[in-house]
Amino acid sequence: GAYGPEHWVTSSVSCGGHHQSPIDILDQHARVGEEYQELQLDGFDNESSNKTWMKNTGKTVAILLKDDYFVSGAGLPGRFKAEKVEFHWGHSNGSAGSEHSINGRRFPVEVR
């Protein structure tokens, strides 16, 4: 509609860039290198303090991570605290629920 994402650039110039979500990852443009391979997950193997909880956001399920969980490596420019995991899925008929795509193909579920 008139207020959809394709019109956001009229309200804010930064919404018109090429690094906006969702994205289509193309094999021919993907960088493959040793420094992008190993994703480090710190704290994820520790027992939760029961501060972590799930939430119905109204359009998806989110796991809110209140303990110290960190992600680094795989070409990331530092160590980042993980705060939330979200799931995006399609209908029960296997329709594409992912927001992002690979070579134009969407998938039944996406975890972000």
N, C-alpha and C. Protein backbone atom coordinates (compact mmCIF):
# COMPACT_ATOMS: atom_id res chain seq x y z
N GLY A 1 0.80 -1.18 0.00
CA GLY A 1 0.00 0.00 0.00
C GLY A 1 0.85 1.25 0.00
N ALA A 2 0.20 2.35 0.19
CA ALA A 2 0.86 3.65 0.15
C ALA A 2 1.86 3.84 1.29
N TYR A 3 1.75 3.04 2.33
CA TYR A 3 2.66 3.17 3.48
C TYR A 3 3.61 1.99 3.60
N GLY A 4 3.69 1.15 2.59
CA GLY A 4 4.55 -0.04 2.61
C GLY A 4 6.02 0.30 2.52
N PRO A 5 6.88 -0.70 2.72
CA PRO A 5 8.33 -0.50 2.73
C PRO A 5 8.89 0.17 1.48
N GLU A 6 8.26 -0.07 0.33
CA GLU A 6 8.76 0.55 -0.90
C GLU A 6 8.61 2.07 -0.89
N HIS A 7 7.81 2.61 0.02
CA HIS A 7 7.60 4.06 0.10
C HIS A 7 8.35 4.71 1.26
N TRP A 8 9.04 3.92 2.09
CA TRP A 8 9.71 4.46 3.27
C TRP A 8 10.78 5.48 2.91
N VAL A 9 11.41 5.33 1.75
CA VAL A 9 12.47 6.25 1.34
C VAL A 9 11.97 7.70 1.27
N THR A 10 10.67 7.89 1.04
CA THR A 10 10.14 9.26 0.98
C THR A 10 10.13 9.90 2.36
N SER A 11 10.11 9.09 3.42
CA SER A 11 10.15 9.62 4.78
C SER A 11 11.56 9.73 5.33
N SER A 12 12.44 8.81 4.89
CA SER A 12 13.82 8.80 5.37
C SER A 12 14.74 8.28 4.28
N VAL A 13 15.70 9.08 3.87
CA VAL A 13 16.63 8.72 2.80
C VAL A 13 17.38 7.43 3.13
N SER A 14 17.69 7.21 4.41
CA SER A 14 18.44 6.01 4.79
C SER A 14 17.67 4.72 4.52
N CYS A 15 16.37 4.82 4.30
CA CYS A 15 15.56 3.63 3.98
C CYS A 15 15.67 3.23 2.52
N GLY A 16 16.42 3.98 1.72
CA GLY A 16 16.53 3.67 0.30
C GLY A 16 17.84 3.04 -0.10
N GLY A 17 18.64 2.63 0.86
CA GLY A 17 19.95 2.05 0.55
C GLY A 17 19.86 0.61 0.07
N HIS A 18 21.01 0.07 -0.29
CA HIS A 18 21.07 -1.30 -0.78
C HIS A 18 21.32 -2.31 0.33
N HIS A 19 21.49 -1.85 1.55
CA HIS A 19 21.78 -2.75 2.67
C HIS A 19 20.56 -2.85 3.59
N GLN A 20 19.39 -2.94 3.00
CA GLN A 20 18.15 -3.01 3.76
C GLN A 20 17.69 -4.46 3.87
N SER A 21 16.91 -4.74 4.87
CA SER A 21 16.35 -6.07 5.07
C SER A 21 14.93 -6.09 4.50
N PRO A 22 14.48 -7.14 3.90
CA PRO A 22 15.15 -8.42 3.70
C PRO A 22 16.13 -8.36 2.53
N ILE A 23 17.04 -9.34 2.51
CA ILE A 23 18.04 -9.39 1.44
C ILE A 23 17.94 -10.72 0.70
N ASP A 24 18.44 -10.73 -0.52
CA ASP A 24 18.57 -11.94 -1.31
C ASP A 24 20.07 -12.22 -1.43
N ILE A 25 20.53 -13.31 -0.83
CA ILE A 25 21.95 -13.68 -0.89
C ILE A 25 22.18 -14.44 -2.19
N LEU A 26 23.06 -13.91 -3.01
CA LEU A 26 23.37 -14.55 -4.29
C LEU A 26 24.70 -15.28 -4.18
N ASP A 27 24.71 -16.55 -4.59
CA ASP A 27 25.94 -17.35 -4.53
C ASP A 27 27.11 -16.63 -5.18
N GLN A 28 26.88 -16.01 -6.32
CA GLN A 28 27.97 -15.39 -7.07
C GLN A 28 28.60 -14.21 -6.34
N HIS A 29 27.88 -13.62 -5.36
CA HIS A 29 28.42 -12.48 -4.62
C HIS A 29 28.85 -12.85 -3.19
N ALA A 30 28.60 -14.09 -2.79
CA ALA A 30 28.93 -14.51 -1.43
C ALA A 30 30.44 -14.64 -1.27
N ARG A 31 30.96 -14.12 -0.17
CA ARG A 31 32.39 -14.22 0.13
C ARG A 31 32.65 -15.52 0.87
N VAL A 32 33.58 -16.26 0.38
CA VAL A 32 33.97 -17.50 1.04
C VAL A 32 35.44 -17.38 1.41
N GLY A 33 35.73 -17.52 2.67
CA GLY A 33 37.11 -17.42 3.12
C GLY A 33 37.24 -18.04 4.50
N GLU A 34 38.43 -18.38 4.85
CA GLU A 34 38.70 -19.02 6.14
C GLU A 34 38.18 -18.17 7.30
N GLU A 35 38.32 -16.85 7.21
CA GLU A 35 37.91 -15.97 8.32
C GLU A 35 36.39 -15.89 8.49
N TYR A 36 35.62 -16.38 7.52
CA TYR A 36 34.16 -16.32 7.60
C TYR A 36 33.54 -17.64 8.04
N GLN A 37 34.34 -18.64 8.32
CA GLN A 37 33.82 -19.98 8.55
C GLN A 37 33.39 -20.26 9.98
N GLU A 38 34.18 -19.90 10.95
CA GLU A 38 33.98 -20.34 12.33
C GLU A 38 33.20 -19.30 13.14
N LEU A 39 31.94 -19.60 13.45
CA LEU A 39 31.12 -18.74 14.30
C LEU A 39 31.29 -19.21 15.74
N GLN A 40 31.66 -18.30 16.64
CA GLN A 40 31.88 -18.63 18.05
C GLN A 40 30.63 -18.28 18.84
N LEU A 41 30.10 -19.23 19.57
CA LEU A 41 28.95 -19.02 20.44
C LEU A 41 29.42 -19.24 21.87
N ASP A 42 29.48 -18.17 22.66
CA ASP A 42 29.96 -18.24 24.04
C ASP A 42 28.80 -18.13 25.02
N GLY A 43 28.74 -19.06 25.96
CA GLY A 43 27.71 -19.04 26.99
C GLY A 43 26.48 -19.85 26.64
N PHE A 44 26.35 -20.28 25.39
CA PHE A 44 25.16 -21.00 24.96
C PHE A 44 25.11 -22.42 25.53
N ASP A 45 26.23 -22.95 25.97
CA ASP A 45 26.23 -24.30 26.54
C ASP A 45 26.07 -24.28 28.06
N ASN A 46 25.91 -23.10 28.65
CA ASN A 46 25.69 -22.97 30.10
C ASN A 46 24.20 -23.07 30.41
N GLU A 47 23.90 -23.62 31.56
CA GLU A 47 22.51 -23.71 31.98
C GLU A 47 21.94 -22.31 32.20
N SER A 48 20.72 -22.11 31.75
CA SER A 48 20.07 -20.80 31.88
C SER A 48 19.75 -20.51 33.34
N SER A 49 19.76 -19.24 33.69
CA SER A 49 19.42 -18.82 35.06
C SER A 49 17.92 -18.64 35.23
N ASN A 50 17.14 -19.08 34.27
CA ASN A 50 15.68 -18.93 34.25
C ASN A 50 15.25 -17.49 33.98
N LYS A 51 16.17 -16.63 33.58
CA LYS A 51 15.80 -15.28 33.17
C LYS A 51 15.45 -15.25 31.68
N THR A 52 15.84 -16.30 30.96
CA THR A 52 15.54 -16.39 29.53
C THR A 52 14.10 -16.86 29.38
N TRP A 53 13.34 -16.21 28.50
CA TRP A 53 11.94 -16.58 28.34
C TRP A 53 11.46 -16.40 26.91
N MET A 54 10.35 -17.06 26.59
CA MET A 54 9.76 -16.97 25.26
C MET A 54 8.61 -15.97 25.29
N LYS A 55 8.42 -15.30 24.15
CA LYS A 55 7.37 -14.28 24.08
C LYS A 55 6.64 -14.39 22.75
N ASN A 56 5.32 -14.33 22.80
CA ASN A 56 4.51 -14.22 21.60
C ASN A 56 4.46 -12.74 21.24
N THR A 57 5.09 -12.36 20.13
CA THR A 57 5.16 -10.95 19.75
C THR A 57 3.93 -10.49 18.98
N GLY A 58 3.02 -11.41 18.70
CA GLY A 58 1.85 -11.08 17.91
C GLY A 58 1.99 -11.52 16.46
N LYS A 59 3.24 -11.67 16.00
CA LYS A 59 3.45 -12.18 14.65
C LYS A 59 4.53 -13.25 14.57
N THR A 60 5.23 -13.48 15.68
CA THR A 60 6.24 -14.53 15.72
C THR A 60 6.49 -14.93 17.17
N VAL A 61 7.38 -15.87 17.36
CA VAL A 61 7.83 -16.27 18.69
C VAL A 61 9.26 -15.77 18.85
N ALA A 62 9.54 -15.16 19.97
CA ALA A 62 10.89 -14.68 20.25
C ALA A 62 11.38 -15.31 21.54
N ILE A 63 12.64 -15.69 21.56
CA ILE A 63 13.28 -16.14 22.79
C ILE A 63 14.15 -14.98 23.25
N LEU A 64 13.82 -14.42 24.41
CA LEU A 64 14.55 -13.28 24.95
C LEU A 64 15.65 -13.80 25.86
N LEU A 65 16.88 -13.51 25.50
CA LEU A 65 18.06 -14.04 26.20
C LEU A 65 18.54 -13.02 27.23
N LYS A 66 18.33 -13.31 28.49
CA LYS A 66 18.71 -12.38 29.55
C LYS A 66 20.07 -12.70 30.16
N ASP A 67 20.57 -13.92 29.92
CA ASP A 67 21.89 -14.29 30.44
C ASP A 67 22.97 -13.77 29.50
N ASP A 68 24.22 -14.07 29.81
CA ASP A 68 25.34 -13.61 28.99
C ASP A 68 25.65 -14.60 27.88
N TYR A 69 25.08 -14.35 26.71
CA TYR A 69 25.32 -15.13 25.51
C TYR A 69 26.00 -14.21 24.50
N PHE A 70 27.11 -14.69 23.92
CA PHE A 70 27.87 -13.84 23.00
C PHE A 70 28.15 -14.57 21.69
N VAL A 71 28.23 -13.80 20.61
CA VAL A 71 28.52 -14.32 19.27
C VAL A 71 29.71 -13.55 18.73
N SER A 72 30.67 -14.27 18.14
CA SER A 72 31.84 -13.63 17.52
C SER A 72 32.36 -14.54 16.42
N GLY A 73 33.41 -14.09 15.75
CA GLY A 73 34.01 -14.86 14.66
C GLY A 73 33.24 -14.70 13.36
N ALA A 74 33.49 -15.58 12.41
CA ALA A 74 32.80 -15.60 11.12
C ALA A 74 32.83 -14.25 10.41
N GLY A 75 33.90 -13.49 10.61
CA GLY A 75 34.02 -12.20 9.94
C GLY A 75 33.37 -11.04 10.67
N LEU A 76 32.76 -11.29 11.84
CA LEU A 76 32.15 -10.20 12.60
C LEU A 76 33.25 -9.30 13.16
N PRO A 77 33.00 -7.98 13.22
CA PRO A 77 34.03 -7.05 13.68
C PRO A 77 34.10 -6.90 15.19
N GLY A 78 33.84 -7.97 15.93
CA GLY A 78 33.90 -7.89 17.39
C GLY A 78 33.08 -8.99 18.02
N ARG A 79 32.85 -8.84 19.30
CA ARG A 79 32.07 -9.80 20.09
C ARG A 79 30.76 -9.12 20.46
N PHE A 80 29.64 -9.78 20.18
CA PHE A 80 28.33 -9.17 20.36
C PHE A 80 27.48 -9.98 21.32
N LYS A 81 26.74 -9.27 22.18
CA LYS A 81 25.83 -9.93 23.12
C LYS A 81 24.54 -10.29 22.39
N ALA A 82 24.16 -11.55 22.47
CA ALA A 82 22.91 -12.01 21.87
C ALA A 82 21.78 -11.69 22.83
N GLU A 83 20.74 -11.04 22.34
CA GLU A 83 19.62 -10.66 23.20
C GLU A 83 18.32 -11.33 22.83
N LYS A 84 18.19 -11.77 21.56
CA LYS A 84 16.91 -12.30 21.13
C LYS A 84 17.10 -13.25 19.95
N VAL A 85 16.29 -14.29 19.92
CA VAL A 85 16.22 -15.20 18.77
C VAL A 85 14.77 -15.17 18.30
N GLU A 86 14.56 -14.91 17.01
CA GLU A 86 13.20 -14.87 16.46
C GLU A 86 13.04 -15.93 15.39
N PHE A 87 11.83 -16.44 15.28
CA PHE A 87 11.48 -17.42 14.27
C PHE A 87 10.46 -16.81 13.31
N HIS A 88 10.66 -17.03 12.03
CA HIS A 88 9.70 -16.60 11.01
C HIS A 88 9.33 -17.84 10.21
N TRP A 89 8.04 -18.12 10.05
CA TRP A 89 7.63 -19.30 9.32
C TRP A 89 6.41 -19.00 8.47
N GLY A 90 6.17 -19.89 7.50
CA GLY A 90 5.03 -19.75 6.59
C GLY A 90 3.84 -20.53 7.10
N HIS A 91 2.89 -20.75 6.22
CA HIS A 91 1.69 -21.50 6.57
C HIS A 91 2.01 -22.99 6.66
N SER A 92 1.09 -23.77 7.17
CA SER A 92 1.33 -25.21 7.35
C SER A 92 1.50 -25.96 6.03
N ASN A 93 1.19 -25.32 4.91
CA ASN A 93 1.34 -25.99 3.61
C ASN A 93 2.77 -25.88 3.07
N GLY A 94 3.71 -25.44 3.91
CA GLY A 94 5.12 -25.36 3.50
C GLY A 94 5.47 -24.11 2.73
N SER A 95 4.60 -23.10 2.78
CA SER A 95 4.89 -21.87 2.05
C SER A 95 6.10 -21.16 2.64
N ALA A 96 6.66 -20.27 1.87
CA ALA A 96 7.87 -19.55 2.27
C ALA A 96 7.58 -18.61 3.43
N GLY A 97 8.23 -18.84 4.54
CA GLY A 97 8.07 -17.98 5.70
C GLY A 97 9.29 -17.12 5.96
N SER A 98 10.40 -17.47 5.31
CA SER A 98 11.63 -16.70 5.52
C SER A 98 11.49 -15.32 4.91
N GLU A 99 12.07 -14.33 5.57
CA GLU A 99 12.08 -12.98 5.01
C GLU A 99 13.22 -12.85 4.01
N HIS A 100 14.34 -13.46 4.31
CA HIS A 100 15.51 -13.41 3.44
C HIS A 100 15.47 -14.58 2.47
N SER A 101 16.22 -14.49 1.39
CA SER A 101 16.23 -15.56 0.40
C SER A 101 17.66 -15.83 -0.06
N ILE A 102 17.85 -17.00 -0.66
CA ILE A 102 19.13 -17.38 -1.25
C ILE A 102 18.88 -17.67 -2.72
N ASN A 103 19.53 -16.91 -3.59
CA ASN A 103 19.34 -17.03 -5.04
C ASN A 103 17.86 -16.94 -5.41
N GLY A 104 17.13 -16.06 -4.73
CA GLY A 104 15.72 -15.84 -5.02
C GLY A 104 14.78 -16.85 -4.39
N ARG A 105 15.30 -17.84 -3.71
CA ARG A 105 14.46 -18.88 -3.10
C ARG A 105 14.24 -18.59 -1.62
N ARG A 106 12.97 -18.56 -1.22
CA ARG A 106 12.62 -18.41 0.19
C ARG A 106 12.36 -19.80 0.78
N PHE A 107 12.38 -19.89 2.11
CA PHE A 107 12.30 -21.18 2.78
C PHE A 107 11.15 -21.19 3.79
N PRO A 108 10.69 -22.39 4.23
CA PRO A 108 9.55 -22.47 5.14
C PRO A 108 9.76 -21.80 6.49
N VAL A 109 11.02 -21.75 6.97
CA VAL A 109 11.28 -21.14 8.28
C VAL A 109 12.63 -20.42 8.26
N GLU A 110 12.73 -19.41 9.10
CA GLU A 110 13.98 -18.66 9.24
C GLU A 110 14.18 -18.36 10.72
N VAL A 111 15.41 -18.49 11.19
CA VAL A 111 15.75 -18.14 12.57
C VAL A 111 16.69 -16.96 12.50
N ARG A 112 16.36 -15.90 13.24
CA ARG A 112 17.21 -14.69 13.23
C ARG A 112 17.58 -14.34 14.65
